[in-house]
Amino acid sequence: MFKVYKGEKHYIAECLDLPVVTQGRTIDEVVENVKEAIALHLEGEDLKEWDILPDFSILVNLELEPVHAKT
């Protein structure tokens, strides 16, 4: 699972299960960077030892600042 935060100019993704952090200018870019970062981190590893399926999926939790409607 990843948490995604909005920085000043980029979205920042931090993995909760692996030591992986990445960023991107858009949400789509940060998701692609997450996939690449995980692949690089696990390169050469036996995924069975990590209990990770070869066609793993990524769950992203996006935290946004609250926005209140003006009345």
PDB file of N, CA and C in Angstrom:
ATOM      1  N   MET A   1       0.841  -1.164   0.000  1.00  0.00           N
ATOM      2  CA  MET A   1       0.000   0.000   0.000  1.00  0.00           C
ATOM      3  C   MET A   1       0.897   1.242   0.000  1.00  0.00           C
ATOM      4  N   PHE A   2       0.472   2.252  -0.716  1.00  0.00           N
ATOM      5  CA  PHE A   2       1.173   3.523  -0.787  1.00  0.00           C
ATOM      6  C   PHE A   2       0.275   4.632  -0.290  1.00  0.00           C
ATOM      7  N   LYS A   3       0.885   5.613   0.324  1.00  0.00           N
ATOM      8  CA  LYS A   3       0.194   6.863   0.623  1.00  0.00           C
ATOM      9  C   LYS A   3       0.737   7.895  -0.343  1.00  0.00           C
ATOM     10  N   VAL A   4      -0.142   8.703  -0.904  1.00  0.00           N
ATOM     11  CA  VAL A   4       0.257   9.747  -1.834  1.00  0.00           C
ATOM     12  C   VAL A   4      -0.085  11.094  -1.211  1.00  0.00           C
ATOM     13  N   TYR A   5       0.911  11.969  -1.188  1.00  0.00           N
ATOM     14  CA  TYR A   5       0.748  13.301  -0.634  1.00  0.00           C
ATOM     15  C   TYR A   5       0.956  14.335  -1.729  1.00  0.00           C
ATOM     16  N   LYS A   6       0.281  15.454  -1.636  1.00  0.00           N
ATOM     17  CA  LYS A   6       0.475  16.550  -2.584  1.00  0.00           C
ATOM     18  C   LYS A   6       1.505  17.490  -1.992  1.00  0.00           C
ATOM     19  N   GLY A   7       2.661  17.618  -2.681  1.00  0.00           N
ATOM     20  CA  GLY A   7       3.680  18.573  -2.286  1.00  0.00           C
ATOM     21  C   GLY A   7       3.430  19.888  -2.995  1.00  0.00           C
ATOM     22  N   GLU A   8       4.407  20.799  -2.953  1.00  0.00           N
ATOM     23  CA  GLU A   8       4.247  22.090  -3.628  1.00  0.00           C
ATOM     24  C   GLU A   8       4.136  21.926  -5.140  1.00  0.00           C
ATOM     25  N   LYS A   9       4.997  21.093  -5.724  1.00  0.00           N
ATOM     26  CA  LYS A   9       5.023  20.938  -7.178  1.00  0.00           C
ATOM     27  C   LYS A   9       4.817  19.505  -7.638  1.00  0.00           C
ATOM     28  N   HIS A  10       4.860  18.544  -6.727  1.00  0.00           N
ATOM     29  CA  HIS A  10       4.786  17.135  -7.100  1.00  0.00           C
ATOM     30  C   HIS A  10       3.883  16.373  -6.138  1.00  0.00           C
ATOM     31  N   TYR A  11       3.443  15.217  -6.590  1.00  0.00           N
ATOM     32  CA  TYR A  11       2.814  14.239  -5.721  1.00  0.00           C
ATOM     33  C   TYR A  11       3.926  13.318  -5.228  1.00  0.00           C
ATOM     34  N   ILE A  12       3.877  12.953  -3.968  1.00  0.00           N
ATOM     35  CA  ILE A  12       4.896  12.098  -3.361  1.00  0.00           C
ATOM     36  C   ILE A  12       4.216  10.814  -2.910  1.00  0.00           C
ATOM     37  N   ALA A  13       4.773   9.678  -3.309  1.00  0.00           N
ATOM     38  CA  ALA A  13       4.229   8.379  -2.933  1.00  0.00           C
ATOM     39  C   ALA A  13       5.204   7.683  -1.991  1.00  0.00           C
ATOM     40  N   GLU A  14       4.687   7.210  -0.873  1.00  0.00           N
ATOM     41  CA  GLU A  14       5.501   6.517   0.126  1.00  0.00           C
ATOM     42  C   GLU A  14       4.894   5.142   0.371  1.00  0.00           C
ATOM     43  N   CYS A  15       5.702   4.109   0.186  1.00  0.00           N
ATOM     44  CA  CYS A  15       5.238   2.739   0.395  1.00  0.00           C
ATOM     45  C   CYS A  15       5.215   2.429   1.886  1.00  0.00           C
ATOM     46  N   LEU A  16       4.173   1.746   2.314  1.00  0.00           N
ATOM     47  CA  LEU A  16       4.059   1.355   3.713  1.00  0.00           C
ATOM     48  C   LEU A  16       4.645  -0.022   3.976  1.00  0.00           C
ATOM     49  N   ASP A  17       4.864  -0.803   2.924  1.00  0.00           N
ATOM     50  CA  ASP A  17       5.334  -2.182   3.084  1.00  0.00           C
ATOM     51  C   ASP A  17       6.783  -2.386   2.649  1.00  0.00           C
ATOM     52  N   LEU A  18       7.297  -1.516   1.802  1.00  0.00           N
ATOM     53  CA  LEU A  18       8.665  -1.612   1.297  1.00  0.00           C
ATOM     54  C   LEU A  18       9.332  -0.250   1.442  1.00  0.00           C
ATOM     55  N   PRO A  19      10.662  -0.206   1.544  1.00  0.00           N
ATOM     56  CA  PRO A  19      11.348   1.090   1.634  1.00  0.00           C
ATOM     57  C   PRO A  19      11.434   1.766   0.266  1.00  0.00           C
ATOM     58  N   VAL A  20      10.294   2.237  -0.237  1.00  0.00           N
ATOM     59  CA  VAL A  20      10.213   2.849  -1.560  1.00  0.00           C
ATOM     60  C   VAL A  20       9.484   4.184  -1.429  1.00  0.00           C
ATOM     61  N   VAL A  21      10.100   5.237  -1.960  1.00  0.00           N
ATOM     62  CA  VAL A  21       9.487   6.562  -2.038  1.00  0.00           C
ATOM     63  C   VAL A  21       9.770   7.098  -3.429  1.00  0.00           C
ATOM     64  N   THR A  22       8.773   7.744  -4.040  1.00  0.00           N
ATOM     65  CA  THR A  22       8.963   8.313  -5.367  1.00  0.00           C
ATOM     66  C   THR A  22       8.053   9.527  -5.511  1.00  0.00           C
ATOM     67  N   GLN A  23       8.179  10.224  -6.629  1.00  0.00           N
ATOM     68  CA  GLN A  23       7.346  11.400  -6.861  1.00  0.00           C
ATOM     69  C   GLN A  23       6.993  11.527  -8.331  1.00  0.00           C
ATOM     70  N   GLY A  24       6.036  12.385  -8.631  1.00  0.00           N
ATOM     71  CA  GLY A  24       5.638  12.650 -10.008  1.00  0.00           C
ATOM     72  C   GLY A  24       4.863  13.951 -10.079  1.00  0.00           C
ATOM     73  N   ARG A  25       4.832  14.563 -11.255  1.00  0.00           N
ATOM     74  CA  ARG A  25       4.118  15.834 -11.425  1.00  0.00           C
ATOM     75  C   ARG A  25       2.605  15.648 -11.418  1.00  0.00           C
ATOM     76  N   THR A  26       2.142  14.465 -11.825  1.00  0.00           N
ATOM     77  CA  THR A  26       0.706  14.158 -11.842  1.00  0.00           C
ATOM     78  C   THR A  26       0.483  12.853 -11.089  1.00  0.00           C
ATOM     79  N   ILE A  27      -0.775  12.558 -10.788  1.00  0.00           N
ATOM     80  CA  ILE A  27      -1.082  11.290 -10.118  1.00  0.00           C
ATOM     81  C   ILE A  27      -0.727  10.124 -11.029  1.00  0.00           C
ATOM     82  N   ASP A  28      -1.047  10.237 -12.318  1.00  0.00           N
ATOM     83  CA  ASP A  28      -0.699   9.162 -13.256  1.00  0.00           C
ATOM     84  C   ASP A  28       0.803   8.927 -13.289  1.00  0.00           C
ATOM     85  N   GLU A  29       1.573  10.007 -13.287  1.00  0.00           N
ATOM     86  CA  GLU A  29       3.035   9.871 -13.323  1.00  0.00           C
ATOM     87  C   GLU A  29       3.565   9.241 -12.040  1.00  0.00           C
ATOM     88  N   VAL A  30       3.028   9.626 -10.903  1.00  0.00           N
ATOM     89  CA  VAL A  30       3.517   9.055  -9.647  1.00  0.00           C
ATOM     90  C   VAL A  30       3.155   7.571  -9.558  1.00  0.00           C
ATOM     91  N   VAL A  31       1.996   7.173 -10.102  1.00  0.00           N
ATOM     92  CA  VAL A  31       1.625   5.746 -10.094  1.00  0.00           C
ATOM     93  C   VAL A  31       2.586   4.954 -10.982  1.00  0.00           C
ATOM     94  N   GLU A  32       2.907   5.477 -12.160  1.00  0.00           N
ATOM     95  CA  GLU A  32       3.885   4.802 -13.030  1.00  0.00           C
ATOM     96  C   GLU A  32       5.252   4.725 -12.346  1.00  0.00           C
ATOM     97  N   ASN A  33       5.647   5.796 -11.661  1.00  0.00           N
ATOM     98  CA  ASN A  33       6.929   5.795 -10.950  1.00  0.00           C
ATOM     99  C   ASN A  33       6.930   4.798  -9.797  1.00  0.00           C
ATOM    100  N   VAL A  34       5.780   4.611  -9.152  1.00  0.00           N
ATOM    101  CA  VAL A  34       5.658   3.627  -8.079  1.00  0.00           C
ATOM    102  C   VAL A  34       5.895   2.227  -8.629  1.00  0.00           C
ATOM    103  N   LYS A  35       5.249   1.931  -9.753  1.00  0.00           N
ATOM    104  CA  LYS A  35       5.429   0.607 -10.363  1.00  0.00           C
ATOM    105  C   LYS A  35       6.895   0.359 -10.700  1.00  0.00           C
ATOM    106  N   GLU A  36       7.549   1.363 -11.282  1.00  0.00           N
ATOM    107  CA  GLU A  36       8.960   1.218 -11.644  1.00  0.00           C
ATOM    108  C   GLU A  36       9.836   1.080 -10.399  1.00  0.00           C
ATOM    109  N   ALA A  37       9.552   1.862  -9.368  1.00  0.00           N
ATOM    110  CA  ALA A  37      10.344   1.800  -8.136  1.00  0.00           C
ATOM    111  C   ALA A  37      10.221   0.441  -7.457  1.00  0.00           C
ATOM    112  N   ILE A  38       9.009  -0.116  -7.443  1.00  0.00           N
ATOM    113  CA  ILE A  38       8.822  -1.446  -6.855  1.00  0.00           C
ATOM    114  C   ILE A  38       9.577  -2.491  -7.658  1.00  0.00           C
ATOM    115  N   ALA A  39       9.466  -2.422  -8.985  1.00  0.00           N
ATOM    116  CA  ALA A  39      10.166  -3.390  -9.838  1.00  0.00           C
ATOM    117  C   ALA A  39      11.667  -3.323  -9.610  1.00  0.00           C
ATOM    118  N   LEU A  40      12.213  -2.106  -9.509  1.00  0.00           N
ATOM    119  CA  LEU A  40      13.653  -1.966  -9.262  1.00  0.00           C
ATOM    120  C   LEU A  40      14.035  -2.475  -7.878  1.00  0.00           C
ATOM    121  N   HIS A  41      13.209  -2.193  -6.887  1.00  0.00           N
ATOM    122  CA  HIS A  41      13.504  -2.636  -5.522  1.00  0.00           C
ATOM    123  C   HIS A  41      13.492  -4.160  -5.410  1.00  0.00           C
ATOM    124  N   LEU A  42      12.571  -4.794  -6.139  1.00  0.00           N
ATOM    125  CA  LEU A  42      12.433  -6.248  -6.040  1.00  0.00           C
ATOM    126  C   LEU A  42      13.221  -7.000  -7.115  1.00  0.00           C
ATOM    127  N   GLU A  43      13.953  -6.280  -7.937  1.00  0.00           N
ATOM    128  CA  GLU A  43      14.719  -6.916  -9.011  1.00  0.00           C
ATOM    129  C   GLU A  43      15.686  -7.958  -8.436  1.00  0.00           C
ATOM    130  N   GLY A  44      15.607  -9.148  -8.969  1.00  0.00           N
ATOM    131  CA  GLY A  44      16.489 -10.225  -8.529  1.00  0.00           C
ATOM    132  C   GLY A  44      16.011 -10.951  -7.278  1.00  0.00           C
ATOM    133  N   GLU A  45      14.920 -10.489  -6.687  1.00  0.00           N
ATOM    134  CA  GLU A  45      14.382 -11.128  -5.484  1.00  0.00           C
ATOM    135  C   GLU A  45      13.440 -12.267  -5.871  1.00  0.00           C
ATOM    136  N   ASP A  46      13.320 -13.242  -4.999  1.00  0.00           N
ATOM    137  CA  ASP A  46      12.337 -14.303  -5.167  1.00  0.00           C
ATOM    138  C   ASP A  46      11.028 -13.794  -4.575  1.00  0.00           C
ATOM    139  N   LEU A  47      10.067 -13.469  -5.435  1.00  0.00           N
ATOM    140  CA  LEU A  47       8.813 -12.871  -4.971  1.00  0.00           C
ATOM    141  C   LEU A  47       8.048 -13.775  -4.017  1.00  0.00           C
ATOM    142  N   LYS A  48       8.259 -15.087  -4.121  1.00  0.00           N
ATOM    143  CA  LYS A  48       7.598 -16.019  -3.200  1.00  0.00           C
ATOM    144  C   LYS A  48       8.066 -15.789  -1.764  1.00  0.00           C
ATOM    145  N   GLU A  49       9.332 -15.427  -1.583  1.00  0.00           N
ATOM    146  CA  GLU A  49       9.854 -15.159  -0.237  1.00  0.00           C
ATOM    147  C   GLU A  49       9.197 -13.918   0.369  1.00  0.00           C
ATOM    148  N   TRP A  50       8.775 -12.981  -0.460  1.00  0.00           N
ATOM    149  CA  TRP A  50       8.133 -11.747  -0.007  1.00  0.00           C
ATOM    150  C   TRP A  50       6.601 -11.901   0.033  1.00  0.00           C
ATOM    151  N   ASP A  51       6.095 -13.073  -0.328  1.00  0.00           N
ATOM    152  CA  ASP A  51       4.645 -13.303  -0.441  1.00  0.00           C
ATOM    153  C   ASP A  51       4.000 -12.320  -1.413  1.00  0.00           C
ATOM    154  N   ILE A  52       4.671 -12.071  -2.538  1.00  0.00           N
ATOM    155  CA  ILE A  52       4.170 -11.170  -3.573  1.00  0.00           C
ATOM    156  C   ILE A  52       3.931 -11.985  -4.837  1.00  0.00           C
ATOM    157  N   LEU A  53       2.740 -11.823  -5.412  1.00  0.00           N
ATOM    158  CA  LEU A  53       2.431 -12.493  -6.666  1.00  0.00           C
ATOM    159  C   LEU A  53       3.150 -11.793  -7.820  1.00  0.00           C
ATOM    160  N   PRO A  54       3.542 -12.532  -8.852  1.00  0.00           N
ATOM    161  CA  PRO A  54       4.253 -11.908  -9.988  1.00  0.00           C
ATOM    162  C   PRO A  54       3.439 -10.817 -10.683  1.00  0.00           C
ATOM    163  N   ASP A  55       2.112 -10.927 -10.681  1.00  0.00           N
ATOM    164  CA  ASP A  55       1.275  -9.909 -11.311  1.00  0.00           C
ATOM    165  C   ASP A  55       0.567  -9.080 -10.235  1.00  0.00           C
ATOM    166  N   PHE A  56       1.364  -8.583  -9.277  1.00  0.00           N
ATOM    167  CA  PHE A  56       0.832  -7.865  -8.129  1.00  0.00           C
ATOM    168  C   PHE A  56       0.107  -6.586  -8.557  1.00  0.00           C
ATOM    169  N   SER A  57      -0.812  -6.148  -7.696  1.00  0.00           N
ATOM    170  CA  SER A  57      -1.490  -4.881  -7.916  1.00  0.00           C
ATOM    171  C   SER A  57      -1.023  -3.893  -6.855  1.00  0.00           C
ATOM    172  N   ILE A  58      -1.290  -2.627  -7.096  1.00  0.00           N
ATOM    173  CA  ILE A  58      -0.860  -1.569  -6.190  1.00  0.00           C
ATOM    174  C   ILE A  58      -2.095  -0.850  -5.671  1.00  0.00           C
ATOM    175  N   LEU A  59      -2.188  -0.719  -4.353  1.00  0.00           N
ATOM    176  CA  LEU A  59      -3.268   0.023  -3.732  1.00  0.00           C
ATOM    177  C   LEU A  59      -2.692   1.360  -3.291  1.00  0.00           C
ATOM    178  N   VAL A  60      -3.284   2.446  -3.776  1.00  0.00           N
ATOM    179  CA  VAL A  60      -2.798   3.797  -3.457  1.00  0.00           C
ATOM    180  C   VAL A  60      -3.863   4.505  -2.640  1.00  0.00           C
ATOM    181  N   ASN A  61      -3.442   5.099  -1.539  1.00  0.00           N
ATOM    182  CA  ASN A  61      -4.312   5.894  -0.679  1.00  0.00           C
ATOM    183  C   ASN A  61      -3.903   7.349  -0.870  1.00  0.00           C
ATOM    184  N   LEU A  62      -4.792   8.168  -1.424  1.00  0.00           N
ATOM    185  CA  LEU A  62      -4.501   9.567  -1.698  1.00  0.00           C
ATOM    186  C   LEU A  62      -5.111  10.422  -0.609  1.00  0.00           C
ATOM    187  N   GLU A  63      -4.276  11.200   0.083  1.00  0.00           N
ATOM    188  CA  GLU A  63      -4.762  12.083   1.123  1.00  0.00           C
ATOM    189  C   GLU A  63      -4.839  13.504   0.570  1.00  0.00           C
ATOM    190  N   LEU A  64      -6.021  14.093   0.645  1.00  0.00           N
ATOM    191  CA  LEU A  64      -6.240  15.440   0.142  1.00  0.00           C
ATOM    192  C   LEU A  64      -6.598  16.371   1.298  1.00  0.00           C
ATOM    193  N   GLU A  65      -6.281  17.643   1.098  1.00  0.00           N
ATOM    194  CA  GLU A  65      -6.688  18.654   2.078  1.00  0.00           C
ATOM    195  C   GLU A  65      -8.198  18.825   1.954  1.00  0.00           C
ATOM    196  N   PRO A  66      -8.893  19.025   3.082  1.00  0.00           N
ATOM    197  CA  PRO A  66     -10.345  19.218   3.000  1.00  0.00           C
ATOM    198  C   PRO A  66     -10.678  20.528   2.295  1.00  0.00           C
ATOM    199  N   VAL A  67     -11.745  20.496   1.510  1.00  0.00           N
ATOM    200  CA  VAL A  67     -12.239  21.695   0.826  1.00  0.00           C
ATOM    201  C   VAL A  67     -13.682  21.874   1.261  1.00  0.00           C
ATOM    202  N   HIS A  68     -13.986  23.073   1.718  1.00  0.00           N
ATOM    203  CA  HIS A  68     -15.334  23.361   2.216  1.00  0.00           C
ATOM    204  C   HIS A  68     -16.064  24.245   1.209  1.00  0.00           C
ATOM    205  N   ALA A  69     -17.328  23.952   0.993  1.00  0.00           N
ATOM    206  CA  ALA A  69     -18.142  24.753   0.088  1.00  0.00           C
ATOM    207  C   ALA A  69     -18.452  26.096   0.735  1.00  0.00           C
ATOM    208  N   LYS A  70     -18.425  27.138  -0.080  1.00  0.00           N
ATOM    209  CA  LYS A  70     -18.781  28.470   0.427  1.00  0.00           C
ATOM    210  C   LYS A  70     -20.303  28.611   0.390  1.00  0.00           C
ATOM    211  N   THR A  71     -20.853  29.178   1.427  1.00  0.00           N
ATOM    212  CA  THR A  71     -22.311  29.349   1.475  1.00  0.00           C
ATOM    213  C   THR A  71     -22.711  30.762   1.193  1.00  0.00           C
TER     214      THR A  71
END
